[in-house]
């Protein structure tokens, strides 16, 4: 009779190793969700993460510049007060002139932004606020995340998260549950991950697909959490029924 390896066959040492890995990955995923919230919320000018925030992140907002999107969203916390934010927004609304930039805007950026947004910081992939010429492109209409930026984020997510899902799946495969359910739960996060990242690009063209971004991302989390919870439970608390001869 065929025997497939299950948690009941694992040693305490193996269970401890698997448990610490799952707990660490679980906490890491929670921090990833917090990062998504912090970097996407507020784009619509209101607190909290909404569908509008997702649309602005990927599709942009025709009535708003990239700089306004940033300081209405995650970059607002870097400004000293609401008065500084209003000064920048008023400057954008009045045409973003160089004279006003030198007189009012550059001092704010020099004090609060240039430590990161400059060539000297060594941080790649972010705009520089050293001078008017570097800031000027950010005063144009916000078209959302650029294709190069999406490609950069996509390959990091696909390679990193797929590897994580594979390792968690290798542990989850030791669970004793309905085999069809197990197979679905193992492959589902990969499918939803691909769907999630694909929907970023679609949302850039069709903003209504922001709902698909949210739904597919949520389903990745749900199926991932199911694997963690069931694996931890069966490792330590589940005792399979012994067959009666």
Foldseek 3Di string as FASTA:
>chain_A
DDDDAALVPDDPVVLVVLLVLLVVVVVVVVVVVVVCFLQQAQLVLDGGHDLVSLLCQQFNDQVAFQVLSCCRGNCVVQFPDVVLNVLVVVCLVVPVDQVSCVVRVLVRCVVRPQCCQDVVVVDPDHFHDPGSVRCVNRSHGRRHDDPVRLVVVLVCCLVVVVVVLVVLLVLLVNFDDDPVVNVCLSCLLNVLSVQLSVLSNVCNVVVVSSVSNVVSVVSNVVSSVVSSVRSNCCNPPDDDDDDDD
